[in-house]
Amino acid sequence: MCKKKVQKLKFDLDLVLSRSRSSSHFHPLCCLSNVLLESQQEKCKPLNRKGGVATIPGIALLYYSSSYRRTGMKDYDETTAFLGQWGKFQKMNFFLLCASIIPNGFVFSIVFLTSTPNHHCLVPEANLTQDWHNATIPLEVLNGNQIRSQCSRYRLDVVRNLSAQGLVPGRDVNLTDVEQEGCVDGWSYSRDVYQSTVVTEFDLVCGDQWKTPVTTTVFFTGILLGSFISGQISDRFGRKPVLFATMAVQTVFTSIQIFSPSWTALCVLLFINGLGQVSNYMTGFVLGTEILTGKVRVLFSSMGVCLAFAIGYMLVPLFAFFLRDWKSFLWGMAIPGLAYIPLWWFIPESPRWLLSQGRVEEAEAIVRKAAKMNNVQPPPTIFTDYRLYQEKEHPQKHHNVFHLLRARNIRNTTIILCTVWLTLNTGYYGLSLNTSDMNADPYLSCFISAAVEVPAYVSSWLALRYLPRRHSAIFTLVTGALLLYFIQLVSQTLPALAVALEMLGKFTVTAGAALMFAYTAELYPTVLRNTATGTCYAFARVGSCIAPFVLNLSIYFEHLPFITLGSLAVVSAVAALFLPETFGQPLPQTIQEMHKTQIMRCPLIPQKQPPAPVEMFQSNLSV
């Protein structure tokens, strides 16, 4: 997964994964950016580090807490080399763990659960003529189109009296003079697209419309919290138990949501479900990277988990299309979780984690079982004189988040990166969640939104290998902004073109997000890389939480969400101009070695050369 030299870039994992002792902070290695460092000539030495993962759908970050030094497991790959890299044992775990990632793509089921169908005030059966029954709902102009009011109607008692007098609306009665009232009898919802959703179940419209984005935000807040606690839980109790426990959380709490008696109860269940969603993804990713070795590990961490997530994402609109009632839809999301119960007897615990806990016999038993599956003969003793190498008990200077604000250079870089991460994650989730509100078939739009992530991951991998980081990041931000701006220029008679522009925007945002994981890790020195990336990741998750509210701006102007996202991208692109370039540069180890912020310069304009240094000599003359 790591190559010591790629385009003059020495990616020393000791620089990336050392110096941190706090289990509440993490070291990142983006699963996509890992492909940049894939081992074609050398094997990456395995690390004796506890792990967890934090992600946006389709992108995985591998975190290792530095409780133990690398020397503790530096010979694990060599010790288990007799197993090979692609035997029956590795194939089974590769595909089973990828399969365990698929339900995490169901995170976007929230798109269809919280969709708001067309609606208007309910007009109960009354002694009304057909003309008055049709005219009870006033007409409004929204985005240049005349539609029936969604939150008001003419007073029913007045309308009933006028109808009884035989008056005709619009001819005998000026409707603008008739008093209006709210939807005191509830709402009538269109069933052209959805039979029912959470919105129709709890009437989250009009005065309670604010609850719809809050529902989504609560779910993503659970994901945010789960990203912090999952690594610590799997470090303590093991990868396998946490993997299956979080699968159970997803399945059980998705099922319980069906019986939610109120909107508040539903939000609580969604929050807990969010904890299980991200924790399952993290643990499965870590378990795969610890079981697999060499090029197979690279393939799993770079493409395996990403494609598995995309497959799960693409299944969501298929389930929603055939199960248009929200309760049936949730059953469709929950029942596949039962298929993973038999995997308990096939997926093993991580031998690396067992060794880190001093459980050598159990780890050796798993490796011997793997050897039997691969039809190879293991040595009499696999882990000879294996012991735990704890960190030396010497004083070490620790760095925290405040160190990101002390020095001007680090402060500027951190502010720029947090802005870019916030923008990309807001754009990613905003465009993903908006598929149900586009002027096209919501099921087809969601499927395309999921499928477009596959080429986005491949494009980001190619950019990481061959293109400068800063140029790539700015290009994705500017291109995404232009595409989002162009959407408002598309006529409503061309919905396919609007969908194409939005999907291209999703493509650039997804690729840009993947790029930033690697770029951020390369910018910071070892002593701050852990804290800095954790801070940037927190800002990214804030972006996913505010994305529903950005989409809610469409109630004021149809294209305001796209204008907002595009403007954020432009601001971030301008800010990214001042980021230093890291392509082909060695990773900084100390704060003094950290690349300084700079601005891109035009190659056609001659630059002022810095003065040659003056070498001072000490005089040997004495007075």
Foldseek 3Di string as FASTA:
>chain_A
DAACAALLAGDDVCFQADDAADPLFWGWDKLLLVLLGADPDDWDFDALFFWWWADDQLIIIITTHPQAGRVQRRCVCVLLCLLPFDFPLLVLLLVLLLLLLLLLLCLLLLLQQLDAFDKAADDDDDPADPQLVVPQFPWDAAQNDIDTDHWKGFPPVVSNVCRVVVDGPPPRDDVVPTDMDTNPVAMDGDPPFFPDHNCNVAVCDDVNVVVSLVLQLLLLVLLLVLRSCLSVVCLVPFLLVLLLVLLVLLQVLLLVLLVDPHSVSNSVSSSSNSSSSRSNLTSSLVLSLLAGTHNSSSCSSNPSSSVSSLNSQLVSLVLCRVHRYHNSSSVVSNVVSVVCVVCSVSRDTRLSSCLQVVNNVRSVVVSVVSCVSRVGDRDPDSDPPNDGGGDDPDDDDADAPVVCCPDPQSVLVLVLLLLLLLLLLLLLLLLLSCLVVALDNSSVLSNLLSVLLNVLSVVLSVCSNPHWLLVLLLVLLLLLLVLLVCLVVDDSVCRVSSSVSSSVSNSSSSNNNSSSSVVLSQQDASSCSRNSVVVSVSSNSVSNSCSSVLCVCCSVPVSSSSNVSSVSSVVSSQSSQFQDIRVSHYRHHDPVRGDGTHGDDDPVDDDDDDDDDDDDDDDPDDD
